[in-house]
């Protein structure tokens, strides 16, 4: 295995993790907004 390849894999894994965290945050934010709107009405 090439050390450069490992570095690339770590970078991809890090980016995937970042995207996953951002997506989860966005979804939770959307759910939170939805419920606050429902409670207001």
PDB file of N, CA and C in Angstrom:
ATOM      1  N   UNK A   1       0.841  -1.204   0.000  1.00  0.00           N
ATOM      2  CA  UNK A   1       0.000   0.000   0.000  1.00  0.00           C
ATOM      3  C   UNK A   1       0.878   1.257   0.000  1.00  0.00           C
ATOM      4  N   UNK A   2       0.460   2.214  -0.801  1.00  0.00           N
ATOM      5  CA  UNK A   2       1.186   3.479  -0.920  1.00  0.00           C
ATOM      6  C   UNK A   2       0.802   4.410   0.236  1.00  0.00           C
ATOM      7  N   UNK A   3       1.778   5.009   0.920  1.00  0.00           N
ATOM      8  CA  UNK A   3       1.439   5.944   2.017  1.00  0.00           C
ATOM      9  C   UNK A   3       0.555   7.100   1.554  1.00  0.00           C
ATOM     10  N   UNK A   4       0.749   7.552   0.308  1.00  0.00           N
ATOM     11  CA  UNK A   4      -0.068   8.624  -0.254  1.00  0.00           C
ATOM     12  C   UNK A   4      -1.527   8.200  -0.328  1.00  0.00           C
ATOM     13  N   UNK A   5      -1.740   6.936  -0.677  1.00  0.00           N
ATOM     14  CA  UNK A   5      -3.096   6.381  -0.773  1.00  0.00           C
ATOM     15  C   UNK A   5      -3.788   6.425   0.584  1.00  0.00           C
ATOM     16  N   UNK A   6      -3.036   6.070   1.627  1.00  0.00           N
ATOM     17  CA  UNK A   6      -3.586   6.110   2.994  1.00  0.00           C
ATOM     18  C   UNK A   6      -3.983   7.520   3.385  1.00  0.00           C
ATOM     19  N   UNK A   7      -3.152   8.489   3.032  1.00  0.00           N
ATOM     20  CA  UNK A   7      -3.434   9.891   3.342  1.00  0.00           C
ATOM     21  C   UNK A   7      -4.720  10.328   2.647  1.00  0.00           C
ATOM     22  N   UNK A   8      -4.884   9.891   1.405  1.00  0.00           N
ATOM     23  CA  UNK A   8      -6.083  10.207   0.629  1.00  0.00           C
ATOM     24  C   UNK A   8      -7.318   9.592   1.280  1.00  0.00           C
ATOM     25  N   UNK A   9      -7.196   8.350   1.723  1.00  0.00           N
ATOM     26  CA  UNK A   9      -8.311   7.663   2.382  1.00  0.00           C
ATOM     27  C   UNK A   9      -8.714   8.384   3.666  1.00  0.00           C
ATOM     28  N   UNK A  10      -7.733   8.815   4.442  1.00  0.00           N
ATOM     29  CA  UNK A  10      -8.020   9.559   5.673  1.00  0.00           C
ATOM     30  C   UNK A  10      -8.742  10.870   5.359  1.00  0.00           C
ATOM     31  N   UNK A  11      -8.311  11.537   4.298  1.00  0.00           N
ATOM     32  CA  UNK A  11      -8.920  12.800   3.877  1.00  0.00           C
ATOM     33  C   UNK A  11     -10.375  12.576   3.469  1.00  0.00           C
ATOM     34  N   UNK A  12     -10.620  11.524   2.675  1.00  0.00           N
ATOM     35  CA  UNK A  12     -11.982  11.190   2.239  1.00  0.00           C
ATOM     36  C   UNK A  12     -12.856  10.855   3.449  1.00  0.00           C
ATOM     37  N   UNK A  13     -12.325  10.060   4.371  1.00  0.00           N
ATOM     38  CA  UNK A  13     -13.065   9.685   5.578  1.00  0.00           C
ATOM     39  C   UNK A  13     -13.399  10.921   6.410  1.00  0.00           C
ATOM     40  N   UNK A  14     -12.455  11.832   6.547  1.00  0.00           N
ATOM     41  CA  UNK A  14     -12.659  13.067   7.304  1.00  0.00           C
ATOM     42  C   UNK A  14     -13.746  13.926   6.668  1.00  0.00           C
ATOM     43  N   UNK A  15     -13.685  14.067   5.339  1.00  0.00           N
ATOM     44  CA  UNK A  15     -14.688  14.851   4.619  1.00  0.00           C
ATOM     45  C   UNK A  15     -16.075  14.216   4.740  1.00  0.00           C
ATOM     46  N   UNK A  16     -16.135  12.902   4.630  1.00  0.00           N
ATOM     47  CA  UNK A  16     -17.406  12.184   4.756  1.00  0.00           C
ATOM     48  C   UNK A  16     -18.005  12.399   6.145  1.00  0.00           C
ATOM     49  N   UNK A  17     -17.163  12.353   7.162  1.00  0.00           N
ATOM     50  CA  UNK A  17     -17.596  12.563   8.543  1.00  0.00           C
ATOM     51  C   UNK A  17     -18.135  13.986   8.719  1.00  0.00           C
ATOM     52  N   UNK A  18     -17.424  14.941   8.148  1.00  0.00           N
ATOM     53  CA  UNK A  18     -17.831  16.347   8.208  1.00  0.00           C
ATOM     54  C   UNK A  18     -19.192  16.549   7.547  1.00  0.00           C
ATOM     55  N   UNK A  19     -19.370  15.957   6.362  1.00  0.00           N
ATOM     56  CA  UNK A  19     -20.635  16.058   5.636  1.00  0.00           C
ATOM     57  C   UNK A  19     -21.755  15.405   6.435  1.00  0.00           C
ATOM     58  N   UNK A  20     -21.469  14.242   7.037  1.00  0.00           N
ATOM     59  CA  UNK A  20     -22.470  13.539   7.844  1.00  0.00           C
ATOM     60  C   UNK A  20     -22.907  14.389   9.036  1.00  0.00           C
ATOM     61  N   UNK A  21     -21.956  15.003   9.731  1.00  0.00           N
ATOM     62  CA  UNK A  21     -22.266  15.851  10.892  1.00  0.00           C
ATOM     63  C   UNK A  21     -23.107  17.050  10.457  1.00  0.00           C
ATOM     64  N   UNK A  22     -22.725  17.685   9.355  1.00  0.00           N
ATOM     65  CA  UNK A  22     -23.475  18.836   8.842  1.00  0.00           C
ATOM     66  C   UNK A  22     -24.898  18.445   8.450  1.00  0.00           C
ATOM     67  N   UNK A  23     -25.036  17.290   7.799  1.00  0.00           N
ATOM     68  CA  UNK A  23     -26.352  16.810   7.379  1.00  0.00           C
ATOM     69  C   UNK A  23     -27.233  16.541   8.587  1.00  0.00           C
ATOM     70  N   UNK A  24     -26.690  15.855   9.609  1.00  0.00           N
ATOM     71  CA  UNK A  24     -27.439  15.561  10.833  1.00  0.00           C
ATOM     72  C   UNK A  24     -27.867  16.871  11.499  1.00  0.00           C
ATOM     73  N   UNK A  25     -26.955  17.840  11.556  1.00  0.00           N
ATOM     74  CA  UNK A  25     -27.260  19.147  12.148  1.00  0.00           C
ATOM     75  C   UNK A  25     -28.402  19.833  11.403  1.00  0.00           C
ATOM     76  N   UNK A  26     -28.344  19.805  10.070  1.00  0.00           N
ATOM     77  CA  UNK A  26     -29.389  20.417   9.245  1.00  0.00           C
ATOM     78  C   UNK A  26     -30.729  19.747   9.480  1.00  0.00           C
ATOM     79  N   UNK A  27     -30.754  18.420   9.526  1.00  0.00           N
ATOM     80  CA  UNK A  27     -31.991  17.657   9.745  1.00  0.00           C
ATOM     81  C   UNK A  27     -32.574  17.991  11.118  1.00  0.00           C
ATOM     82  N   UNK A  28     -31.745  17.987  12.148  1.00  0.00           N
ATOM     83  CA  UNK A  28     -32.211  18.303  13.502  1.00  0.00           C
ATOM     84  C   UNK A  28     -32.746  19.727  13.563  1.00  0.00           C
ATOM     85  N   UNK A  29     -32.080  20.638  12.881  1.00  0.00           N
ATOM     86  CA  UNK A  29     -32.501  22.027  12.819  1.00  0.00           C
ATOM     87  C   UNK A  29     -33.870  22.142  12.145  1.00  0.00           C
ATOM     88  N   UNK A  30     -34.055  21.410  11.054  1.00  0.00           N
ATOM     89  CA  UNK A  30     -35.326  21.414  10.327  1.00  0.00           C
ATOM     90  C   UNK A  30     -36.450  20.850  11.197  1.00  0.00           C
ATOM     91  N   UNK A  31     -36.180  19.754  11.908  1.00  0.00           N
ATOM     92  CA  UNK A  31     -37.181  19.144  12.800  1.00  0.00           C
ATOM     93  C   UNK A  31     -37.546  20.126  13.912  1.00  0.00           C
ATOM     94  N   UNK A  32     -36.530  20.767  14.475  1.00  0.00           N
ATOM     95  CA  UNK A  32     -36.729  21.739  15.540  1.00  0.00           C
ATOM     96  C   UNK A  32     -37.614  22.890  15.062  1.00  0.00           C
ATOM     97  N   UNK A  33     -37.325  23.417  13.877  1.00  0.00           N
ATOM     98  CA  UNK A  33     -38.122  24.501  13.288  1.00  0.00           C
ATOM     99  C   UNK A  33     -39.558  24.043  13.056  1.00  0.00           C
ATOM    100  N   UNK A  34     -39.717  22.848  12.534  1.00  0.00           N
ATOM    101  CA  UNK A  34     -41.040  22.288  12.262  1.00  0.00           C
ATOM    102  C   UNK A  34     -41.873  22.222  13.542  1.00  0.00           C
ATOM    103  N   UNK A  35     -41.267  21.703  14.617  1.00  0.00           N
ATOM    104  CA  UNK A  35     -41.999  21.588  15.881  1.00  0.00           C
ATOM    105  C   UNK A  35     -42.304  22.942  16.518  1.00  0.00           C
ATOM    106  N   UNK A  36     -41.381  23.875  16.424  1.00  0.00           N
ATOM    107  CA  UNK A  36     -41.649  25.199  16.990  1.00  0.00           C
ATOM    108  C   UNK A  36     -42.770  25.885  16.230  1.00  0.00           C
ATOM    109  N   UNK A  37     -42.825  25.674  14.918  1.00  0.00           N
ATOM    110  CA  UNK A  37     -43.922  26.230  14.110  1.00  0.00           C
ATOM    111  C   UNK A  37     -45.254  25.583  14.491  1.00  0.00           C
ATOM    112  N   UNK A  38     -45.254  24.275  14.691  1.00  0.00           N
ATOM    113  CA  UNK A  38     -46.477  23.530  15.041  1.00  0.00           C
ATOM    114  C   UNK A  38     -47.008  23.976  16.414  1.00  0.00           C
ATOM    115  N   UNK A  39     -46.089  24.198  17.347  1.00  0.00           N
ATOM    116  CA  UNK A  39     -46.469  24.594  18.710  1.00  0.00           C
ATOM    117  C   UNK A  39     -47.082  26.011  18.678  1.00  0.00           C
ATOM    118  N   UNK A  40     -46.507  26.901  17.873  1.00  0.00           N
ATOM    119  CA  UNK A  40     -46.991  28.286  17.765  1.00  0.00           C
ATOM    120  C   UNK A  40     -48.446  28.348  17.308  1.00  0.00           C
ATOM    121  N   UNK A  41     -48.804  27.507  16.336  1.00  0.00           N
ATOM    122  CA  UNK A  41     -50.136  27.554  15.744  1.00  0.00           C
ATOM    123  C   UNK A  41     -51.206  27.054  16.738  1.00  0.00           C
TER     124      UNK A  41
END
